[in-house]
């Protein structure tokens, strides 16, 4: 019985780790350099901003509304809904 409990607990922990991208615990970034270590092509607040970035010749940023909300004031300098975008 104890083995089953340990296995169930390990499965829960493993599923939480695998479901989270690297650095997901970090939702606030202080520089584009730090953010690019986790999100290589930038972060958009929504799909509309993501599409706009791609139309403007940027690599496709990931849509992460929570992370964007926590960092956009200092990192979205042109206020287009995508921060730290990377040209293609």
C-alpha atoms as a PDB file:
ATOM      1  CA  UNK A   1       0.000   0.000   0.000  1.00  0.00           C
ATOM      2  CA  UNK A   2       2.799   2.450   0.817  1.00  0.00           C
ATOM      3  CA  UNK A   3       4.424   1.812  -2.569  1.00  0.00           C
ATOM      4  CA  UNK A   4       1.191   2.725  -4.347  1.00  0.00           C
ATOM      5  CA  UNK A   5       0.981   5.980  -2.369  1.00  0.00           C
ATOM      6  CA  UNK A   6       4.559   6.897  -3.215  1.00  0.00           C
ATOM      7  CA  UNK A   7       4.000   6.141  -6.889  1.00  0.00           C
ATOM      8  CA  UNK A   8       0.829   8.240  -6.973  1.00  0.00           C
ATOM      9  CA  UNK A   9       2.607  11.142  -5.295  1.00  0.00           C
ATOM     10  CA  UNK A  10       5.530  10.903  -7.696  1.00  0.00           C
ATOM     11  CA  UNK A  11       3.149  10.852 -10.664  1.00  0.00           C
ATOM     12  CA  UNK A  12       1.466  14.065  -9.481  1.00  0.00           C
ATOM     13  CA  UNK A  13       4.786  15.865  -8.992  1.00  0.00           C
ATOM     14  CA  UNK A  14       6.091  14.653 -12.353  1.00  0.00           C
ATOM     15  CA  UNK A  15       2.956  15.801 -14.169  1.00  0.00           C
ATOM     16  CA  UNK A  16       3.283  19.283 -12.647  1.00  0.00           C
ATOM     17  CA  UNK A  17       6.916  19.542 -13.685  1.00  0.00           C
ATOM     18  CA  UNK A  18       6.283  18.325 -17.234  1.00  0.00           C
ATOM     19  CA  UNK A  19       3.261  20.598 -17.716  1.00  0.00           C
ATOM     20  CA  UNK A  20       5.241  23.726 -16.889  1.00  0.00           C
ATOM     21  CA  UNK A  21       7.688  25.222 -19.392  1.00  0.00           C
ATOM     22  CA  UNK A  22      11.163  26.043 -18.151  1.00  0.00           C
ATOM     23  CA  UNK A  23      11.071  29.224 -16.131  1.00  0.00           C
ATOM     24  CA  UNK A  24       7.284  29.224 -15.826  1.00  0.00           C
ATOM     25  CA  UNK A  25       7.611  30.171 -12.180  1.00  0.00           C
ATOM     26  CA  UNK A  26       9.026  33.479 -13.386  1.00  0.00           C
ATOM     27  CA  UNK A  27       6.249  35.780 -14.520  1.00  0.00           C
ATOM     28  CA  UNK A  28       8.097  39.083 -14.182  1.00  0.00           C
ATOM     29  CA  UNK A  29      11.119  39.874 -16.279  1.00  0.00           C
ATOM     30  CA  UNK A  30      13.392  42.882 -15.824  1.00  0.00           C
ATOM     31  CA  UNK A  31      15.035  42.744 -19.255  1.00  0.00           C
ATOM     32  CA  UNK A  32      14.485  41.303 -22.708  1.00  0.00           C
ATOM     33  CA  UNK A  33      17.742  39.386 -22.354  1.00  0.00           C
ATOM     34  CA  UNK A  34      16.395  37.511 -19.309  1.00  0.00           C
ATOM     35  CA  UNK A  35      13.043  36.907 -20.966  1.00  0.00           C
ATOM     36  CA  UNK A  36      14.642  35.559 -24.155  1.00  0.00           C
ATOM     37  CA  UNK A  37      16.310  32.830 -22.084  1.00  0.00           C
ATOM     38  CA  UNK A  38      12.824  31.423 -21.467  1.00  0.00           C
ATOM     39  CA  UNK A  39      10.718  32.786 -24.360  1.00  0.00           C
ATOM     40  CA  UNK A  40      13.069  33.057 -27.335  1.00  0.00           C
ATOM     41  CA  UNK A  41      10.890  35.192 -29.639  1.00  0.00           C
ATOM     42  CA  UNK A  42       9.110  37.465 -27.182  1.00  0.00           C
ATOM     43  CA  UNK A  43       5.685  37.456 -25.548  1.00  0.00           C
ATOM     44  CA  UNK A  44       2.367  38.794 -26.835  1.00  0.00           C
ATOM     45  CA  UNK A  45      -0.626  39.701 -24.716  1.00  0.00           C
ATOM     46  CA  UNK A  46      -3.078  37.993 -27.097  1.00  0.00           C
ATOM     47  CA  UNK A  47      -3.427  36.296 -30.489  1.00  0.00           C
ATOM     48  CA  UNK A  48      -4.198  39.608 -32.218  1.00  0.00           C
ATOM     49  CA  UNK A  49      -0.897  41.136 -31.059  1.00  0.00           C
ATOM     50  CA  UNK A  50       0.909  37.916 -31.990  1.00  0.00           C
ATOM     51  CA  UNK A  51      -0.506  38.068 -35.540  1.00  0.00           C
ATOM     52  CA  UNK A  52       0.450  41.736 -35.850  1.00  0.00           C
ATOM     53  CA  UNK A  53       4.043  40.955 -34.852  1.00  0.00           C
ATOM     54  CA  UNK A  54       4.278  38.202 -37.481  1.00  0.00           C
ATOM     55  CA  UNK A  55       2.784  40.486 -40.172  1.00  0.00           C
ATOM     56  CA  UNK A  56       5.410  43.089 -39.283  1.00  0.00           C
ATOM     57  CA  UNK A  57       8.233  40.605 -39.918  1.00  0.00           C
ATOM     58  CA  UNK A  58       8.886  39.280 -36.432  1.00  0.00           C
ATOM     59  CA  UNK A  59       9.329  35.683 -35.329  1.00  0.00           C
ATOM     60  CA  UNK A  60       6.140  34.308 -33.832  1.00  0.00           C
ATOM     61  CA  UNK A  61       6.041  35.270 -30.131  1.00  0.00           C
ATOM     62  CA  UNK A  62       4.311  33.099 -27.567  1.00  0.00           C
ATOM     63  CA  UNK A  63       0.955  34.310 -26.184  1.00  0.00           C
ATOM     64  CA  UNK A  64       1.257  34.631 -22.393  1.00  0.00           C
ATOM     65  CA  UNK A  65      -1.264  37.201 -21.049  1.00  0.00           C
ATOM     66  CA  UNK A  66      -0.207  36.833 -17.391  1.00  0.00           C
ATOM     67  CA  UNK A  67       3.502  37.162 -18.080  1.00  0.00           C
ATOM     68  CA  UNK A  68       2.863  40.090 -20.441  1.00  0.00           C
ATOM     69  CA  UNK A  69       0.775  41.865 -17.796  1.00  0.00           C
ATOM     70  CA  UNK A  70       3.549  41.494 -15.228  1.00  0.00           C
ATOM     71  CA  UNK A  71       6.326  42.942 -17.412  1.00  0.00           C
ATOM     72  CA  UNK A  72       4.908  45.023 -20.269  1.00  0.00           C
ATOM     73  CA  UNK A  73       5.326  48.449 -18.664  1.00  0.00           C
ATOM     74  CA  UNK A  74       9.096  48.231 -18.932  1.00  0.00           C
ATOM     75  CA  UNK A  75       9.544  45.808 -21.847  1.00  0.00           C
ATOM     76  CA  UNK A  76       6.887  46.738 -24.466  1.00  0.00           C
ATOM     77  CA  UNK A  77       8.476  50.019 -25.466  1.00  0.00           C
ATOM     78  CA  UNK A  78       6.360  50.561 -28.602  1.00  0.00           C
ATOM     79  CA  UNK A  79       3.128  49.544 -26.811  1.00  0.00           C
ATOM     80  CA  UNK A  80       2.022  47.193 -29.615  1.00  0.00           C
ATOM     81  CA  UNK A  81       0.999  44.294 -27.374  1.00  0.00           C
ATOM     82  CA  UNK A  82       4.229  42.320 -27.860  1.00  0.00           C
ATOM     83  CA  UNK A  83       7.309  42.721 -25.755  1.00  0.00           C
ATOM     84  CA  UNK A  84      10.857  41.879 -26.746  1.00  0.00           C
ATOM     85  CA  UNK A  85       9.889  40.833 -30.276  1.00  0.00           C
ATOM     86  CA  UNK A  86      12.633  39.402 -32.489  1.00  0.00           C
ATOM     87  CA  UNK A  87      12.917  40.238 -36.212  1.00  0.00           C
ATOM     88  CA  UNK A  88      12.845  37.244 -38.580  1.00  0.00           C
END
